[in-house]
C-alpha atoms as a PDB file:
ATOM      1  CA  MET A   1      -3.738  18.271  24.309  1.00  0.00           C
ATOM      2  CA  LYS A   2      -0.213  19.309  24.203  1.00  0.00           C
ATOM      3  CA  LYS A   3       2.038  18.471  21.361  1.00  0.00           C
ATOM      4  CA  LYS A   4       4.808  15.926  22.166  1.00  0.00           C
ATOM      5  CA  GLN A   5       8.181  17.140  21.635  1.00  0.00           C
ATOM      6  CA  ILE A   6      11.358  15.142  21.469  1.00  0.00           C
ATOM      7  CA  HIS A   7      14.706  16.224  22.932  1.00  0.00           C
ATOM      8  CA  LYS A   8      17.993  15.218  21.462  1.00  0.00           C
ATOM      9  CA  ASN A   9      21.146  14.717  23.449  1.00  0.00           C
ATOM     10  CA  ASP A  10      22.737  18.028  22.182  1.00  0.00           C
ATOM     11  CA  GLY A  11      19.725  20.042  23.754  1.00  0.00           C
ATOM     12  CA  GLY A  12      18.232  20.819  20.337  1.00  0.00           C
ATOM     13  CA  LEU A  13      14.364  20.701  20.209  1.00  0.00           C
ATOM     14  CA  THR A  14      13.005  18.412  17.674  1.00  0.00           C
ATOM     15  CA  GLU A  15       9.479  17.233  16.707  1.00  0.00           C
ATOM     16  CA  ARG A  16       8.191  14.649  14.312  1.00  0.00           C
ATOM     17  CA  CYS A  17       7.494  14.906  10.519  1.00  0.00           C
ATOM     18  CA  LEU A  18       5.995  12.270   8.096  1.00  0.00           C
ATOM     19  CA  GLU A  19       7.536  11.505   4.897  1.00  0.00           C
ATOM     20  CA  ILE A  20       5.410   9.589   2.301  1.00  0.00           C
ATOM     21  CA  ILE A  21       6.728   7.975  -0.718  1.00  0.00           C
ATOM     22  CA  ASN A  22       4.058   6.579  -3.070  1.00  0.00           C
ATOM     23  CA  ILE A  23       5.011   4.459  -6.128  1.00  0.00           C
ATOM     24  CA  ARG A  24       2.922   2.967  -8.909  1.00  0.00           C
ATOM     25  CA  LEU A  25       4.940  -0.083 -10.282  1.00  0.00           C
ATOM     26  CA  TYR A  26       5.534  -0.323 -13.976  1.00  0.00           C
ATOM     27  CA  ASP A  27       5.147  -4.131 -13.435  1.00  0.00           C
ATOM     28  CA  ALA A  28       2.958  -5.310 -10.600  1.00  0.00           C
ATOM     29  CA  ALA A  29       5.192  -8.296 -10.232  1.00  0.00           C
ATOM     30  CA  ASP A  30       7.999  -6.156  -8.934  1.00  0.00           C
ATOM     31  CA  ARG A  31       6.309  -5.987  -5.445  1.00  0.00           C
ATOM     32  CA  ARG A  32       8.975  -8.199  -3.903  1.00  0.00           C
ATOM     33  CA  LYS A  33      11.633  -5.628  -4.890  1.00  0.00           C
ATOM     34  CA  ILE A  34       9.515  -2.961  -3.106  1.00  0.00           C
ATOM     35  CA  ALA A  35       9.521  -5.135   0.128  1.00  0.00           C
ATOM     36  CA  ASP A  36      13.357  -5.803  -0.087  1.00  0.00           C
ATOM     37  CA  LEU A  37      14.194  -2.123  -0.512  1.00  0.00           C
ATOM     38  CA  PHE A  38      11.820  -1.139   2.247  1.00  0.00           C
ATOM     39  CA  GLU A  39      13.317  -3.641   4.605  1.00  0.00           C
ATOM     40  CA  ARG A  40      16.925  -2.898   3.941  1.00  0.00           C
ATOM     41  CA  THR A  41      16.225   0.951   4.341  1.00  0.00           C
ATOM     42  CA  ALA A  42      14.020   0.621   7.503  1.00  0.00           C
ATOM     43  CA  GLN A  43      16.906  -1.316   9.373  1.00  0.00           C
ATOM     44  CA  GLY A  44      19.418   1.320   8.569  1.00  0.00           C
ATOM     45  CA  ALA A  45      17.250   4.265  10.174  1.00  0.00           C
ATOM     46  CA  ALA A  46      17.355   4.259  13.922  1.00  0.00           C
ATOM     47  CA  ASP A  47      15.158   7.084  14.884  1.00  0.00           C
ATOM     48  CA  ALA A  48      12.559   6.528  12.179  1.00  0.00           C
ATOM     49  CA  ARG A  49       9.438   4.489  11.959  1.00  0.00           C
ATOM     50  CA  PHE A  50       8.694   2.858   8.577  1.00  0.00           C
ATOM     51  CA  ILE A  51       5.449   1.453   7.508  1.00  0.00           C
ATOM     52  CA  LEU A  52       4.679  -0.143   4.091  1.00  0.00           C
ATOM     53  CA  PHE A  53       1.166   0.036   2.752  1.00  0.00           C
ATOM     54  CA  ARG A  54      -0.482  -1.489  -0.338  1.00  0.00           C
ATOM     55  CA  ASN A  55      -3.382  -0.168  -2.124  1.00  0.00           C
ATOM     56  CA  ALA A  56      -6.392  -2.352  -1.519  1.00  0.00           C
ATOM     57  CA  GLU A  57      -7.761  -1.814  -4.976  1.00  0.00           C
ATOM     58  CA  MET A  58      -4.839  -1.259  -7.209  1.00  0.00           C
ATOM     59  CA  GLU A  59      -2.273  -4.159  -7.177  1.00  0.00           C
ATOM     60  CA  GLY A  60       0.756  -1.984  -8.237  1.00  0.00           C
ATOM     61  CA  ASP A  61       0.338   0.916  -5.882  1.00  0.00           C
ATOM     62  CA  TRP A  62       2.293   0.961  -2.678  1.00  0.00           C
ATOM     63  CA  SER A  63       3.012   3.673  -0.066  1.00  0.00           C
ATOM     64  CA  ILE A  64       5.823   3.973   2.368  1.00  0.00           C
ATOM     65  CA  HIS A  65       5.267   6.174   5.397  1.00  0.00           C
ATOM     66  CA  ILE A  66       8.283   7.363   7.441  1.00  0.00           C
ATOM     67  CA  TRP A  67       7.558   8.874  10.868  1.00  0.00           C
ATOM     68  CA  ARG A  68      10.899  10.566  12.017  1.00  0.00           C
ATOM     69  CA  PRO A  69      12.188  13.452  14.064  1.00  0.00           C
ATOM     70  CA  PHE A  70      13.215  16.696  12.447  1.00  0.00           C
ATOM     71  CA  PHE A  71      14.650  19.967  13.699  1.00  0.00           C
ATOM     72  CA  SER A  72      12.276  22.912  13.150  1.00  0.00           C
ATOM     73  CA  HIS A  73      14.902  24.673  11.072  1.00  0.00           C
ATOM     74  CA  GLU A  74      15.146  21.529   8.878  1.00  0.00           C
ATOM     75  CA  GLU A  75      12.441  21.187   6.242  1.00  0.00           C
ATOM     76  CA  THR A  76      14.001  18.714   3.977  1.00  0.00           C
ATOM     77  CA  LYS A  77      13.697  14.960   3.091  1.00  0.00           C
ATOM     78  CA  SER A  78      15.824  12.614   4.974  1.00  0.00           C
ATOM     79  CA  PRO A  79      18.732  10.985   3.040  1.00  0.00           C
ATOM     80  CA  GLU A  80      17.489   7.488   3.661  1.00  0.00           C
ATOM     81  CA  ALA A  81      14.084   8.479   2.028  1.00  0.00           C
ATOM     82  CA  LEU A  82      15.852  10.228  -0.734  1.00  0.00           C
ATOM     83  CA  CYS A  83      18.009   7.113  -1.512  1.00  0.00           C
ATOM     84  CA  LEU A  84      14.900   4.870  -1.362  1.00  0.00           C
ATOM     85  CA  SER A  85      13.020   7.093  -3.769  1.00  0.00           C
ATOM     86  CA  GLU A  86      15.846   7.092  -6.254  1.00  0.00           C
ATOM     87  CA  LEU A  87      16.005   3.276  -6.087  1.00  0.00           C
ATOM     88  CA  LEU A  88      12.242   2.903  -6.499  1.00  0.00           C
ATOM     89  CA  ARG A  89      12.197   5.127  -9.656  1.00  0.00           C
ATOM     90  CA  GLU A  90      13.845   2.301 -11.628  1.00  0.00           C
ATOM     91  CA  ILE A  91      10.667   0.052 -11.009  1.00  0.00           C
ATOM     92  CA  GLY A  92       7.777   2.726 -10.965  1.00  0.00           C
ATOM     93  CA  LEU A  93       6.555   6.205 -10.761  1.00  0.00           C
ATOM     94  CA  VAL A  94       7.423   7.797  -7.540  1.00  0.00           C
ATOM     95  CA  HIS A  95       5.996  10.688  -5.502  1.00  0.00           C
ATOM     96  CA  HIS A  96       7.920  11.756  -2.433  1.00  0.00           C
ATOM     97  CA  VAL A  97       6.699  14.354  -0.039  1.00  0.00           C
ATOM     98  CA  ILE A  98       7.327  15.574   3.503  1.00  0.00           C
ATOM     99  CA  TRP A  99       4.626  16.492   5.995  1.00  0.00           C
ATOM    100  CA  LEU A 100       5.569  18.997   8.697  1.00  0.00           C
ATOM    101  CA  PRO A 101       3.358  19.470  11.853  1.00  0.00           C
ATOM    102  CA  ALA A 102       0.939  22.350  11.641  1.00  0.00           C
ATOM    103  CA  SER A 103       0.963  25.050  14.382  1.00  0.00           C
ATOM    104  CA  GLY A 104      -1.445  27.395  15.571  1.00  0.00           C
ATOM    105  CA  GLY A 105      -5.205  27.620  15.264  1.00  0.00           C
ATOM    106  CA  PRO A 106      -8.025  26.393  17.621  1.00  0.00           C
ATOM    107  CA  ASN A 107      -8.428  22.858  16.032  1.00  0.00           C
ATOM    108  CA  ILE A 108      -4.796  21.801  16.080  1.00  0.00           C
ATOM    109  CA  ALA A 109      -3.587  19.970  19.024  1.00  0.00           C
END
């Protein structure tokens, strides 16, 4: 299976990465704030796909997954996700990571 690549108008080759923002709310009643911040951020990001998850067992645990393009020389978090992480820190503990595509090896498509 060949890895799907995305071409930008400027001729630069990009792939997709996954940014994950996990938050544990200080107060579970703040769940509406997460949804509001999520919706505002997702609407402003044209090339990214945002998905909001809630933990099935822990009421105050949420996860935001952002599937977006990145250039191979760019291994940084997106400005939208960084802004969202900072806003979420006001209402809970935040863990923000970026996952890049693995390359090479026989088991990796």
